[in-house]
């Protein structure tokens, strides 16, 4: 699976962005998909995950209520709608695919087998 993230950019605090992640391959619908981010000098952190069907989602506390993850299996694409952005949301955002199917560990970086190249989100104050 190859993943291509897009949609990053510069936005003012309080603004919105929608990230997209397009996947190649015919098995996209069988993967748990996740979004992570990494700010300069910090470790990569979990943001959100969505089950293969889209029926289950989970979010980091830092983004709960502001970000929404969704997927369109017909288009092999997962999205991250980001609202009420804050300067501390500034980071490179990565999408990732998880083959394991284990929902209890979807927040763990090591559970993800494939990663996109990242897209930079910068939120100005």
PDB file of N, CA and C in Angstrom:
ATOM      1  N   UNK A   1       0.849  -1.194   0.000  1.00  0.00           N
ATOM      2  CA  UNK A   1       0.000   0.000   0.000  1.00  0.00           C
ATOM      3  C   UNK A   1       0.881   1.238   0.000  1.00  0.00           C
ATOM      4  N   UNK A   2       0.582   2.154  -0.877  1.00  0.00           N
ATOM      5  CA  UNK A   2       1.253   3.449  -0.881  1.00  0.00           C
ATOM      6  C   UNK A   2       0.248   4.512  -0.488  1.00  0.00           C
ATOM      7  N   UNK A   3       0.682   5.423   0.380  1.00  0.00           N
ATOM      8  CA  UNK A   3      -0.187   6.456   0.907  1.00  0.00           C
ATOM      9  C   UNK A   3       0.338   7.828   0.518  1.00  0.00           C
ATOM     10  N   UNK A   4      -0.559   8.709   0.118  1.00  0.00           N
ATOM     11  CA  UNK A   4      -0.186  10.051  -0.300  1.00  0.00           C
ATOM     12  C   UNK A   4      -1.057  11.051   0.439  1.00  0.00           C
ATOM     13  N   UNK A   5      -0.453  11.770   1.371  1.00  0.00           N
ATOM     14  CA  UNK A   5      -1.188  12.765   2.152  1.00  0.00           C
ATOM     15  C   UNK A   5      -1.123  14.123   1.476  1.00  0.00           C
ATOM     16  N   UNK A   6      -2.196  14.891   1.633  1.00  0.00           N
ATOM     17  CA  UNK A   6      -2.245  16.237   1.064  1.00  0.00           C
ATOM     18  C   UNK A   6      -3.202  17.090   1.870  1.00  0.00           C
ATOM     19  N   UNK A   7      -3.184  18.395   1.587  1.00  0.00           N
ATOM     20  CA  UNK A   7      -4.128  19.294   2.216  1.00  0.00           C
ATOM     21  C   UNK A   7      -3.554  20.188   3.285  1.00  0.00           C
ATOM     22  N   UNK A   8      -2.291  20.007   3.621  1.00  0.00           N
ATOM     23  CA  UNK A   8      -1.680  20.860   4.623  1.00  0.00           C
ATOM     24  C   UNK A   8      -1.486  22.275   4.107  1.00  0.00           C
ATOM     25  N   UNK A   9      -1.127  23.162   5.023  1.00  0.00           N
ATOM     26  CA  UNK A   9      -0.889  24.542   4.637  1.00  0.00           C
ATOM     27  C   UNK A   9      -0.813  25.446   5.839  1.00  0.00           C
ATOM     28  N   UNK A  10      -0.862  26.733   5.569  1.00  0.00           N
ATOM     29  CA  UNK A  10      -0.811  27.753   6.615  1.00  0.00           C
ATOM     30  C   UNK A  10      -2.215  28.273   6.875  1.00  0.00           C
ATOM     31  N   UNK A  11      -2.589  28.297   8.142  1.00  0.00           N
ATOM     32  CA  UNK A  11      -3.921  28.763   8.512  1.00  0.00           C
ATOM     33  C   UNK A  11      -3.817  29.543   9.819  1.00  0.00           C
ATOM     34  N   UNK A  12      -4.704  30.488  10.008  1.00  0.00           N
ATOM     35  CA  UNK A  12      -4.725  31.250  11.251  1.00  0.00           C
ATOM     36  C   UNK A  12      -5.419  30.458  12.350  1.00  0.00           C
ATOM     37  N   UNK A  13      -5.065  30.764  13.560  1.00  0.00           N
ATOM     38  CA  UNK A  13      -5.710  30.114  14.699  1.00  0.00           C
ATOM     39  C   UNK A  13      -7.227  30.296  14.590  1.00  0.00           C
ATOM     40  N   UNK A  14      -7.957  29.232  14.882  1.00  0.00           N
ATOM     41  CA  UNK A  14      -9.400  29.240  14.771  1.00  0.00           C
ATOM     42  C   UNK A  14      -9.914  28.777  13.422  1.00  0.00           C
ATOM     43  N   UNK A  15      -9.001  28.637  12.480  1.00  0.00           N
ATOM     44  CA  UNK A  15      -9.386  28.220  11.138  1.00  0.00           C
ATOM     45  C   UNK A  15      -9.513  26.719  10.994  1.00  0.00           C
ATOM     46  N   UNK A  16      -9.744  26.302   9.756  1.00  0.00           N
ATOM     47  CA  UNK A  16      -9.973  24.885   9.459  1.00  0.00           C
ATOM     48  C   UNK A  16      -9.142  24.438   8.270  1.00  0.00           C
ATOM     49  N   UNK A  17      -8.836  23.154   8.259  1.00  0.00           N
ATOM     50  CA  UNK A  17      -8.204  22.497   7.123  1.00  0.00           C
ATOM     51  C   UNK A  17      -8.750  21.082   7.036  1.00  0.00           C
ATOM     52  N   UNK A  18      -8.748  20.549   5.824  1.00  0.00           N
ATOM     53  CA  UNK A  18      -9.086  19.144   5.653  1.00  0.00           C
ATOM     54  C   UNK A  18      -7.929  18.438   4.972  1.00  0.00           C
ATOM     55  N   UNK A  19      -7.396  17.458   5.647  1.00  0.00           N
ATOM     56  CA  UNK A  19      -6.335  16.635   5.086  1.00  0.00           C
ATOM     57  C   UNK A  19      -6.946  15.421   4.399  1.00  0.00           C
ATOM     58  N   UNK A  20      -6.294  15.006   3.324  1.00  0.00           N
ATOM     59  CA  UNK A  20      -6.701  13.799   2.614  1.00  0.00           C
ATOM     60  C   UNK A  20      -5.522  12.850   2.520  1.00  0.00           C
ATOM     61  N   UNK A  21      -5.825  11.585   2.449  1.00  0.00           N
ATOM     62  CA  UNK A  21      -4.786  10.564   2.290  1.00  0.00           C
ATOM     63  C   UNK A  21      -5.316   9.537   1.297  1.00  0.00           C
ATOM     64  N   UNK A  22      -4.719   9.522   0.124  1.00  0.00           N
ATOM     65  CA  UNK A  22      -5.133   8.603  -0.926  1.00  0.00           C
ATOM     66  C   UNK A  22      -4.242   7.366  -0.891  1.00  0.00           C
ATOM     67  N   UNK A  23      -4.868   6.206  -0.968  1.00  0.00           N
ATOM     68  CA  UNK A  23      -4.132   4.943  -0.901  1.00  0.00           C
ATOM     69  C   UNK A  23      -4.215   4.192  -2.217  1.00  0.00           C
ATOM     70  N   UNK A  24      -3.131   3.549  -2.547  1.00  0.00           N
ATOM     71  CA  UNK A  24      -3.127   2.673  -3.711  1.00  0.00           C
ATOM     72  C   UNK A  24      -3.459   1.263  -3.243  1.00  0.00           C
ATOM     73  N   UNK A  25      -3.803   0.392  -4.154  1.00  0.00           N
ATOM     74  CA  UNK A  25      -4.034  -0.997  -3.778  1.00  0.00           C
ATOM     75  C   UNK A  25      -5.497  -1.313  -3.548  1.00  0.00           C
ATOM     76  N   UNK A  26      -5.827  -2.586  -3.652  1.00  0.00           N
ATOM     77  CA  UNK A  26      -7.212  -3.013  -3.572  1.00  0.00           C
ATOM     78  C   UNK A  26      -7.617  -3.454  -2.182  1.00  0.00           C
ATOM     79  N   UNK A  27      -6.709  -3.373  -1.216  1.00  0.00           N
ATOM     80  CA  UNK A  27      -7.026  -3.855   0.124  1.00  0.00           C
ATOM     81  C   UNK A  27      -7.227  -2.733   1.121  1.00  0.00           C
ATOM     82  N   UNK A  28      -7.371  -1.514   0.629  1.00  0.00           N
ATOM     83  CA  UNK A  28      -7.527  -0.357   1.514  1.00  0.00           C
ATOM     84  C   UNK A  28      -8.650  -0.567   2.507  1.00  0.00           C
ATOM     85  N   UNK A  29      -9.754  -1.090   2.056  1.00  0.00           N
ATOM     86  CA  UNK A  29     -10.933  -1.211   2.916  1.00  0.00           C
ATOM     87  C   UNK A  29     -10.741  -2.200   4.054  1.00  0.00           C
ATOM     88  N   UNK A  30      -9.682  -2.970   4.024  1.00  0.00           N
ATOM     89  CA  UNK A  30      -9.450  -3.934   5.098  1.00  0.00           C
ATOM     90  C   UNK A  30      -8.538  -3.392   6.189  1.00  0.00           C
ATOM     91  N   UNK A  31      -8.012  -2.168   6.015  1.00  0.00           N
ATOM     92  CA  UNK A  31      -7.065  -1.595   6.971  1.00  0.00           C
ATOM     93  C   UNK A  31      -7.731  -0.644   7.940  1.00  0.00           C
ATOM     94  N   UNK A  32      -7.290  -0.689   9.164  1.00  0.00           N
ATOM     95  CA  UNK A  32      -7.518   0.423  10.068  1.00  0.00           C
ATOM     96  C   UNK A  32      -6.620   1.562   9.579  1.00  0.00           C
ATOM     97  N   UNK A  33      -7.158   2.767   9.548  1.00  0.00           N
ATOM     98  CA  UNK A  33      -6.384   3.924   9.106  1.00  0.00           C
ATOM     99  C   UNK A  33      -6.232   4.911  10.260  1.00  0.00           C
ATOM    100  N   UNK A  34      -5.059   5.512  10.313  1.00  0.00           N
ATOM    101  CA  UNK A  34      -4.790   6.449  11.392  1.00  0.00           C
ATOM    102  C   UNK A  34      -4.118   7.707  10.898  1.00  0.00           C
ATOM    103  N   UNK A  35      -4.222   8.743  11.713  1.00  0.00           N
ATOM    104  CA  UNK A  35      -3.498   9.987  11.492  1.00  0.00           C
ATOM    105  C   UNK A  35      -2.607  10.231  12.715  1.00  0.00           C
ATOM    106  N   UNK A  36      -1.398  10.636  12.438  1.00  0.00           N
ATOM    107  CA  UNK A  36      -0.431  10.988  13.473  1.00  0.00           C
ATOM    108  C   UNK A  36       0.158  12.347  13.122  1.00  0.00           C
ATOM    109  N   UNK A  37       0.849  12.938  14.079  1.00  0.00           N
ATOM    110  CA  UNK A  37       1.553  14.189  13.782  1.00  0.00           C
ATOM    111  C   UNK A  37       2.859  14.232  14.551  1.00  0.00           C
ATOM    112  N   UNK A  38       3.774  15.021  14.016  1.00  0.00           N
ATOM    113  CA  UNK A  38       5.073  15.176  14.657  1.00  0.00           C
ATOM    114  C   UNK A  38       5.519  16.621  14.550  1.00  0.00           C
ATOM    115  N   UNK A  39       5.668  17.257  15.692  1.00  0.00           N
ATOM    116  CA  UNK A  39       6.163  18.625  15.751  1.00  0.00           C
ATOM    117  C   UNK A  39       7.683  18.589  15.887  1.00  0.00           C
ATOM    118  N   UNK A  40       8.352  19.668  15.517  1.00  0.00           N
ATOM    119  CA  UNK A  40       9.816  19.698  15.611  1.00  0.00           C
ATOM    120  C   UNK A  40      10.302  19.398  17.020  1.00  0.00           C
ATOM    121  N   UNK A  41      11.239  18.471  17.125  1.00  0.00           N
ATOM    122  CA  UNK A  41      11.813  18.128  18.417  1.00  0.00           C
ATOM    123  C   UNK A  41      10.948  17.243  19.296  1.00  0.00           C
ATOM    124  N   UNK A  42       9.813  16.797  18.751  1.00  0.00           N
ATOM    125  CA  UNK A  42       8.904  15.962  19.547  1.00  0.00           C
ATOM    126  C   UNK A  42       8.700  14.611  18.878  1.00  0.00           C
ATOM    127  N   UNK A  43       8.204  13.676  19.664  1.00  0.00           N
ATOM    128  CA  UNK A  43       7.912  12.355  19.124  1.00  0.00           C
ATOM    129  C   UNK A  43       6.622  12.379  18.308  1.00  0.00           C
ATOM    130  N   UNK A  44       6.504  11.409  17.425  1.00  0.00           N
ATOM    131  CA  UNK A  44       5.273  11.276  16.649  1.00  0.00           C
ATOM    132  C   UNK A  44       4.145  10.874  17.594  1.00  0.00           C
ATOM    133  N   UNK A  45       3.002  11.546  17.466  1.00  0.00           N
ATOM    134  CA  UNK A  45       1.896  11.277  18.367  1.00  0.00           C
ATOM    135  C   UNK A  45       0.633  10.913  17.605  1.00  0.00           C
ATOM    136  N   UNK A  46      -0.150  10.077  18.224  1.00  0.00           N
ATOM    137  CA  UNK A  46      -1.422   9.635  17.667  1.00  0.00           C
ATOM    138  C   UNK A  46      -2.436  10.773  17.683  1.00  0.00           C
ATOM    139  N   UNK A  47      -3.219  10.876  16.598  1.00  0.00           N
ATOM    140  CA  UNK A  47      -4.281  11.870  16.515  1.00  0.00           C
ATOM    141  C   UNK A  47      -5.643  11.205  16.451  1.00  0.00           C
ATOM    142  N   UNK A  48      -5.824  10.287  15.496  1.00  0.00           N
ATOM    143  CA  UNK A  48      -7.133   9.685  15.293  1.00  0.00           C
ATOM    144  C   UNK A  48      -6.986   8.399  14.498  1.00  0.00           C
ATOM    145  N   UNK A  49      -7.972   7.510  14.674  1.00  0.00           N
ATOM    146  CA  UNK A  49      -8.009   6.273  13.897  1.00  0.00           C
ATOM    147  C   UNK A  49      -9.451   5.942  13.559  1.00  0.00           C
ATOM    148  N   UNK A  50      -9.604   5.174  12.478  1.00  0.00           N
ATOM    149  CA  UNK A  50     -10.932   4.770  12.019  1.00  0.00           C
ATOM    150  C   UNK A  50     -10.864   3.317  11.583  1.00  0.00           C
ATOM    151  N   UNK A  51     -11.880   2.558  11.943  1.00  0.00           N
ATOM    152  CA  UNK A  51     -11.923   1.145  11.594  1.00  0.00           C
ATOM    153  C   UNK A  51     -12.157   0.967  10.102  1.00  0.00           C
ATOM    154  N   UNK A  52     -12.013  -0.263   9.630  1.00  0.00           N
ATOM    155  CA  UNK A  52     -12.101  -0.523   8.197  1.00  0.00           C
ATOM    156  C   UNK A  52     -13.463  -0.122   7.623  1.00  0.00           C
ATOM    157  N   UNK A  53     -14.502  -0.275   8.413  1.00  0.00           N
ATOM    158  CA  UNK A  53     -15.847   0.045   7.944  1.00  0.00           C
ATOM    159  C   UNK A  53     -16.209   1.513   8.169  1.00  0.00           C
ATOM    160  N   UNK A  54     -15.429   2.177   9.009  1.00  0.00           N
ATOM    161  CA  UNK A  54     -15.769   3.540   9.389  1.00  0.00           C
ATOM    162  C   UNK A  54     -16.692   3.604  10.593  1.00  0.00           C
ATOM    163  N   UNK A  55     -17.068   2.459  11.113  1.00  0.00           N
ATOM    164  CA  UNK A  55     -18.025   2.439  12.211  1.00  0.00           C
ATOM    165  C   UNK A  55     -17.446   2.800  13.567  1.00  0.00           C
ATOM    166  N   UNK A  56     -16.146   2.675  13.689  1.00  0.00           N
ATOM    167  CA  UNK A  56     -15.479   3.019  14.951  1.00  0.00           C
ATOM    168  C   UNK A  56     -14.408   4.061  14.706  1.00  0.00           C
ATOM    169  N   UNK A  57     -14.370   5.040  15.589  1.00  0.00           N
ATOM    170  CA  UNK A  57     -13.326   6.061  15.548  1.00  0.00           C
ATOM    171  C   UNK A  57     -12.822   6.315  16.967  1.00  0.00           C
ATOM    172  N   UNK A  58     -11.607   6.800  17.045  1.00  0.00           N
ATOM    173  CA  UNK A  58     -11.033   7.161  18.332  1.00  0.00           C
ATOM    174  C   UNK A  58     -10.111   8.356  18.122  1.00  0.00           C
ATOM    175  N   UNK A  59     -10.044   9.222  19.123  1.00  0.00           N
ATOM    176  CA  UNK A  59      -9.271  10.457  19.009  1.00  0.00           C
ATOM    177  C   UNK A  59      -8.387  10.664  20.231  1.00  0.00           C
ATOM    178  N   UNK A  60      -7.283  11.341  20.006  1.00  0.00           N
ATOM    179  CA  UNK A  60      -6.479  11.810  21.128  1.00  0.00           C
ATOM    180  C   UNK A  60      -7.264  12.894  21.859  1.00  0.00           C
ATOM    181  N   UNK A  61      -7.058  12.982  23.152  1.00  0.00           N
ATOM    182  CA  UNK A  61      -7.778  13.983  23.949  1.00  0.00           C
ATOM    183  C   UNK A  61      -7.508  15.403  23.444  1.00  0.00           C
ATOM    184  N   UNK A  62      -6.325  15.629  22.930  1.00  0.00           N
ATOM    185  CA  UNK A  62      -5.931  16.970  22.507  1.00  0.00           C
ATOM    186  C   UNK A  62      -6.718  17.482  21.305  1.00  0.00           C
ATOM    187  N   UNK A  63      -7.353  16.591  20.555  1.00  0.00           N
ATOM    188  CA  UNK A  63      -8.071  17.003  19.356  1.00  0.00           C
ATOM    189  C   UNK A  63      -9.551  16.636  19.402  1.00  0.00           C
ATOM    190  N   UNK A  64      -9.964  15.940  20.431  1.00  0.00           N
ATOM    191  CA  UNK A  64     -11.345  15.484  20.528  1.00  0.00           C
ATOM    192  C   UNK A  64     -12.299  16.679  20.501  1.00  0.00           C
ATOM    193  N   UNK A  65     -13.314  16.566  19.656  1.00  0.00           N
ATOM    194  CA  UNK A  65     -14.281  17.653  19.535  1.00  0.00           C
ATOM    195  C   UNK A  65     -13.904  18.691  18.492  1.00  0.00           C
ATOM    196  N   UNK A  66     -12.658  18.652  18.026  1.00  0.00           N
ATOM    197  CA  UNK A  66     -12.213  19.607  17.010  1.00  0.00           C
ATOM    198  C   UNK A  66     -11.887  18.922  15.677  1.00  0.00           C
ATOM    199  N   UNK A  67     -11.377  17.713  15.737  1.00  0.00           N
ATOM    200  CA  UNK A  67     -10.986  16.978  14.534  1.00  0.00           C
ATOM    201  C   UNK A  67     -11.962  15.831  14.294  1.00  0.00           C
ATOM    202  N   UNK A  68     -12.159  15.505  13.022  1.00  0.00           N
ATOM    203  CA  UNK A  68     -13.008  14.382  12.639  1.00  0.00           C
ATOM    204  C   UNK A  68     -12.320  13.555  11.566  1.00  0.00           C
ATOM    205  N   UNK A  69     -12.204  12.264  11.821  1.00  0.00           N
ATOM    206  CA  UNK A  69     -11.638  11.350  10.841  1.00  0.00           C
ATOM    207  C   UNK A  69     -12.780  10.651  10.110  1.00  0.00           C
ATOM    208  N   UNK A  70     -12.620  10.444   8.822  1.00  0.00           N
ATOM    209  CA  UNK A  70     -13.609   9.739   8.025  1.00  0.00           C
ATOM    210  C   UNK A  70     -12.899   9.031   6.883  1.00  0.00           C
ATOM    211  N   UNK A  71     -13.625   8.147   6.216  1.00  0.00           N
ATOM    212  CA  UNK A  71     -13.011   7.439   5.100  1.00  0.00           C
ATOM    213  C   UNK A  71     -14.057   7.167   4.036  1.00  0.00           C
ATOM    214  N   UNK A  72     -13.587   7.044   2.815  1.00  0.00           N
ATOM    215  CA  UNK A  72     -14.419   6.670   1.683  1.00  0.00           C
ATOM    216  C   UNK A  72     -13.721   5.498   1.005  1.00  0.00           C
ATOM    217  N   UNK A  73     -14.175   4.310   1.288  1.00  0.00           N
ATOM    218  CA  UNK A  73     -13.500   3.116   0.761  1.00  0.00           C
ATOM    219  C   UNK A  73     -13.629   3.004  -0.757  1.00  0.00           C
ATOM    220  N   UNK A  74     -14.672   3.581  -1.307  1.00  0.00           N
ATOM    221  CA  UNK A  74     -14.827   3.557  -2.765  1.00  0.00           C
ATOM    222  C   UNK A  74     -13.753   4.402  -3.445  1.00  0.00           C
ATOM    223  N   UNK A  75     -13.261   5.406  -2.723  1.00  0.00           N
ATOM    224  CA  UNK A  75     -12.234   6.284  -3.266  1.00  0.00           C
ATOM    225  C   UNK A  75     -10.854   5.987  -2.683  1.00  0.00           C
ATOM    226  N   UNK A  76     -10.768   4.967  -1.840  1.00  0.00           N
ATOM    227  CA  UNK A  76      -9.487   4.633  -1.206  1.00  0.00           C
ATOM    228  C   UNK A  76      -8.867   5.842  -0.512  1.00  0.00           C
ATOM    229  N   UNK A  77      -9.678   6.577   0.197  1.00  0.00           N
ATOM    230  CA  UNK A  77      -9.211   7.822   0.799  1.00  0.00           C
ATOM    231  C   UNK A  77      -9.697   7.941   2.232  1.00  0.00           C
ATOM    232  N   UNK A  78      -8.815   8.451   3.085  1.00  0.00           N
ATOM    233  CA  UNK A  78      -9.175   8.783   4.461  1.00  0.00           C
ATOM    234  C   UNK A  78      -8.955  10.284   4.641  1.00  0.00           C
ATOM    235  N   UNK A  79      -9.799  10.896   5.443  1.00  0.00           N
ATOM    236  CA  UNK A  79      -9.780  12.344   5.627  1.00  0.00           C
ATOM    237  C   UNK A  79      -9.588  12.695   7.102  1.00  0.00           C
ATOM    238  N   UNK A  80      -9.077  13.883   7.320  1.00  0.00           N
ATOM    239  CA  UNK A  80      -9.027  14.441   8.666  1.00  0.00           C
ATOM    240  C   UNK A  80      -9.485  15.889   8.579  1.00  0.00           C
ATOM    241  N   UNK A  81     -10.694  16.142   9.048  1.00  0.00           N
ATOM    242  CA  UNK A  81     -11.226  17.497   9.105  1.00  0.00           C
ATOM    243  C   UNK A  81     -10.767  18.133  10.405  1.00  0.00           C
ATOM    244  N   UNK A  82     -10.087  19.250  10.297  1.00  0.00           N
ATOM    245  CA  UNK A  82      -9.526  19.912  11.481  1.00  0.00           C
ATOM    246  C   UNK A  82     -10.157  21.289  11.624  1.00  0.00           C
ATOM    247  N   UNK A  83     -10.873  21.487  12.700  1.00  0.00           N
ATOM    248  CA  UNK A  83     -11.522  22.764  12.988  1.00  0.00           C
ATOM    249  C   UNK A  83     -10.931  23.383  14.250  1.00  0.00           C
ATOM    250  N   UNK A  84     -11.196  24.648  14.432  1.00  0.00           N
ATOM    251  CA  UNK A  84     -10.733  25.381  15.623  1.00  0.00           C
ATOM    252  C   UNK A  84      -9.244  25.137  15.868  1.00  0.00           C
ATOM    253  N   UNK A  85      -8.473  25.281  14.836  1.00  0.00           N
ATOM    254  CA  UNK A  85      -7.049  24.985  14.933  1.00  0.00           C
ATOM    255  C   UNK A  85      -6.336  25.947  15.879  1.00  0.00           C
ATOM    256  N   UNK A  86      -5.334  25.399  16.548  1.00  0.00           N
ATOM    257  CA  UNK A  86      -4.544  26.142  17.517  1.00  0.00           C
ATOM    258  C   UNK A  86      -3.070  26.127  17.085  1.00  0.00           C
ATOM    259  N   UNK A  87      -2.301  27.094  17.513  1.00  0.00           N
ATOM    260  CA  UNK A  87      -0.871  27.081  17.172  1.00  0.00           C
ATOM    261  C   UNK A  87      -0.182  25.777  17.565  1.00  0.00           C
ATOM    262  N   UNK A  88      -0.609  25.176  18.648  1.00  0.00           N
ATOM    263  CA  UNK A  88       0.008  23.923  19.091  1.00  0.00           C
ATOM    264  C   UNK A  88      -0.340  22.729  18.206  1.00  0.00           C
ATOM    265  N   UNK A  89      -1.228  22.927  17.237  1.00  0.00           N
ATOM    266  CA  UNK A  89      -1.515  21.885  16.249  1.00  0.00           C
ATOM    267  C   UNK A  89      -0.487  21.881  15.119  1.00  0.00           C
ATOM    268  N   UNK A  90       0.403  22.845  15.101  1.00  0.00           N
ATOM    269  CA  UNK A  90       1.423  22.918  14.065  1.00  0.00           C
ATOM    270  C   UNK A  90       2.327  21.683  14.114  1.00  0.00           C
ATOM    271  N   UNK A  91       2.415  20.999  12.979  1.00  0.00           N
ATOM    272  CA  UNK A  91       3.199  19.755  12.907  1.00  0.00           C
ATOM    273  C   UNK A  91       3.141  19.227  11.479  1.00  0.00           C
ATOM    274  N   UNK A  92       3.942  18.206  11.229  1.00  0.00           N
ATOM    275  CA  UNK A  92       3.779  17.409  10.017  1.00  0.00           C
ATOM    276  C   UNK A  92       2.794  16.296  10.347  1.00  0.00           C
ATOM    277  N   UNK A  93       1.787  16.174   9.517  1.00  0.00           N
ATOM    278  CA  UNK A  93       0.728  15.186   9.741  1.00  0.00           C
ATOM    279  C   UNK A  93       0.943  14.006   8.793  1.00  0.00           C
ATOM    280  N   UNK A  94       0.841  12.802   9.359  1.00  0.00           N
ATOM    281  CA  UNK A  94       1.051  11.580   8.607  1.00  0.00           C
ATOM    282  C   UNK A  94      -0.188  10.697   8.668  1.00  0.00           C
ATOM    283  N   UNK A  95      -0.525  10.091   7.533  1.00  0.00           N
ATOM    284  CA  UNK A  95      -1.528   9.046   7.558  1.00  0.00           C
ATOM    285  C   UNK A  95      -0.814   7.701   7.551  1.00  0.00           C
ATOM    286  N   UNK A  96      -1.499   6.684   8.069  1.00  0.00           N
ATOM    287  CA  UNK A  96      -0.871   5.378   8.183  1.00  0.00           C
ATOM    288  C   UNK A  96      -1.929   4.288   8.108  1.00  0.00           C
ATOM    289  N   UNK A  97      -1.504   3.116   7.656  1.00  0.00           N
ATOM    290  CA  UNK A  97      -2.395   1.971   7.501  1.00  0.00           C
ATOM    291  C   UNK A  97      -1.953   0.832   8.416  1.00  0.00           C
ATOM    292  N   UNK A  98      -2.922   0.219   9.049  1.00  0.00           N
ATOM    293  CA  UNK A  98      -2.700  -0.808  10.067  1.00  0.00           C
ATOM    294  C   UNK A  98      -3.362  -2.100   9.614  1.00  0.00           C
ATOM    295  N   UNK A  99      -2.545  -3.145   9.373  1.00  0.00           N
ATOM    296  CA  UNK A  99      -3.094  -4.412   8.893  1.00  0.00           C
ATOM    297  C   UNK A  99      -3.593  -5.310  10.010  1.00  0.00           C
ATOM    298  N   UNK A 100      -3.207  -5.023  11.241  1.00  0.00           N
ATOM    299  CA  UNK A 100      -3.432  -5.991  12.314  1.00  0.00           C
ATOM    300  C   UNK A 100      -4.891  -6.204  12.650  1.00  0.00           C
ATOM    301  N   UNK A 101      -5.694  -5.157  12.500  1.00  0.00           N
ATOM    302  CA  UNK A 101      -7.087  -5.274  12.891  1.00  0.00           C
ATOM    303  C   UNK A 101      -7.324  -5.155  14.384  1.00  0.00           C
ATOM    304  N   UNK A 102      -6.271  -4.958  15.160  1.00  0.00           N
ATOM    305  CA  UNK A 102      -6.411  -4.870  16.613  1.00  0.00           C
ATOM    306  C   UNK A 102      -6.806  -3.454  17.013  1.00  0.00           C
ATOM    307  N   UNK A 103      -8.040  -3.288  17.381  1.00  0.00           N
ATOM    308  CA  UNK A 103      -8.551  -1.960  17.705  1.00  0.00           C
ATOM    309  C   UNK A 103      -8.002  -1.446  19.035  1.00  0.00           C
ATOM    310  N   UNK A 104      -7.677  -2.343  19.959  1.00  0.00           N
ATOM    311  CA  UNK A 104      -7.241  -1.918  21.289  1.00  0.00           C
ATOM    312  C   UNK A 104      -5.892  -1.216  21.280  1.00  0.00           C
ATOM    313  N   UNK A 105      -5.138  -1.374  20.203  1.00  0.00           N
ATOM    314  CA  UNK A 105      -3.806  -0.776  20.165  1.00  0.00           C
ATOM    315  C   UNK A 105      -3.646   0.200  19.010  1.00  0.00           C
ATOM    316  N   UNK A 106      -4.732   0.779  18.535  1.00  0.00           N
ATOM    317  CA  UNK A 106      -4.650   1.644  17.352  1.00  0.00           C
ATOM    318  C   UNK A 106      -3.897   2.941  17.622  1.00  0.00           C
ATOM    319  N   UNK A 107      -3.663   3.276  18.879  1.00  0.00           N
ATOM    320  CA  UNK A 107      -2.948   4.503  19.191  1.00  0.00           C
ATOM    321  C   UNK A 107      -1.437   4.313  19.143  1.00  0.00           C
ATOM    322  N   UNK A 108      -0.983   3.105  18.958  1.00  0.00           N
ATOM    323  CA  UNK A 108       0.444   2.815  18.998  1.00  0.00           C
ATOM    324  C   UNK A 108       1.081   2.953  17.616  1.00  0.00           C
ATOM    325  N   UNK A 109       2.139   3.728  17.552  1.00  0.00           N
ATOM    326  CA  UNK A 109       2.825   3.948  16.281  1.00  0.00           C
ATOM    327  C   UNK A 109       3.259   2.621  15.667  1.00  0.00           C
ATOM    328  N   UNK A 110       3.739   1.704  16.471  1.00  0.00           N
ATOM    329  CA  UNK A 110       4.315   0.468  15.949  1.00  0.00           C
ATOM    330  C   UNK A 110       3.295  -0.478  15.319  1.00  0.00           C
ATOM    331  N   UNK A 111       2.001  -0.196  15.528  1.00  0.00           N
ATOM    332  CA  UNK A 111       0.967  -1.054  14.949  1.00  0.00           C
ATOM    333  C   UNK A 111       0.739  -0.777  13.467  1.00  0.00           C
ATOM    334  N   UNK A 112       1.306   0.316  12.974  1.00  0.00           N
ATOM    335  CA  UNK A 112       1.030   0.744  11.608  1.00  0.00           C
ATOM    336  C   UNK A 112       2.138   0.285  10.661  1.00  0.00           C
ATOM    337  N   UNK A 113       1.721  -0.280   9.550  1.00  0.00           N
ATOM    338  CA  UNK A 113       2.643  -0.925   8.624  1.00  0.00           C
ATOM    339  C   UNK A 113       3.059  -0.031   7.464  1.00  0.00           C
ATOM    340  N   UNK A 114       2.197   0.878   7.088  1.00  0.00           N
ATOM    341  CA  UNK A 114       2.477   1.731   5.937  1.00  0.00           C
ATOM    342  C   UNK A 114       2.245   3.187   6.330  1.00  0.00           C
ATOM    343  N   UNK A 115       3.114   4.071   5.833  1.00  0.00           N
ATOM    344  CA  UNK A 115       3.053   5.488   6.185  1.00  0.00           C
ATOM    345  C   UNK A 115       3.112   6.352   4.937  1.00  0.00           C
ATOM    346  N   UNK A 116       2.346   7.440   4.964  1.00  0.00           N
ATOM    347  CA  UNK A 116       2.468   8.442   3.934  1.00  0.00           C
ATOM    348  C   UNK A 116       3.658   9.340   4.190  1.00  0.00           C
ATOM    349  N   UNK A 117       3.887  10.266   3.291  1.00  0.00           N
ATOM    350  CA  UNK A 117       5.086  11.103   3.359  1.00  0.00           C
ATOM    351  C   UNK A 117       4.929  12.300   4.284  1.00  0.00           C
ATOM    352  N   UNK A 118       3.726  12.584   4.712  1.00  0.00           N
ATOM    353  CA  UNK A 118       3.502  13.702   5.621  1.00  0.00           C
ATOM    354  C   UNK A 118       3.130  14.973   4.887  1.00  0.00           C
ATOM    355  N   UNK A 119       2.309  15.775   5.534  1.00  0.00           N
ATOM    356  CA  UNK A 119       1.930  17.074   5.007  1.00  0.00           C
ATOM    357  C   UNK A 119       1.989  18.086   6.156  1.00  0.00           C
ATOM    358  N   UNK A 120       2.587  19.231   5.894  1.00  0.00           N
ATOM    359  CA  UNK A 120       2.850  20.205   6.951  1.00  0.00           C
ATOM    360  C   UNK A 120       1.637  21.099   7.189  1.00  0.00           C
ATOM    361  N   UNK A 121       1.257  21.201   8.444  1.00  0.00           N
ATOM    362  CA  UNK A 121       0.201  22.115   8.878  1.00  0.00           C
ATOM    363  C   UNK A 121       0.835  23.149   9.806  1.00  0.00           C
ATOM    364  N   UNK A 122       0.656  24.408   9.456  1.00  0.00           N
ATOM    365  CA  UNK A 122       1.189  25.494  10.271  1.00  0.00           C
ATOM    366  C   UNK A 122       0.039  26.391  10.678  1.00  0.00           C
ATOM    367  N   UNK A 123      -0.128  26.574  11.980  1.00  0.00           N
ATOM    368  CA  UNK A 123      -1.205  27.407  12.505  1.00  0.00           C
ATOM    369  C   UNK A 123      -0.576  28.640  13.149  1.00  0.00           C
ATOM    370  N   UNK A 124      -0.905  29.789  12.615  1.00  0.00           N
ATOM    371  CA  UNK A 124      -0.341  31.034  13.140  1.00  0.00           C
ATOM    372  C   UNK A 124      -1.269  31.640  14.184  1.00  0.00           C
ATOM    373  N   UNK A 125      -0.680  32.325  15.134  1.00  0.00           N
ATOM    374  CA  UNK A 125      -1.469  32.922  16.214  1.00  0.00           C
ATOM    375  C   UNK A 125      -1.909  34.341  15.865  1.00  0.00           C
TER     376      UNK A 125
END
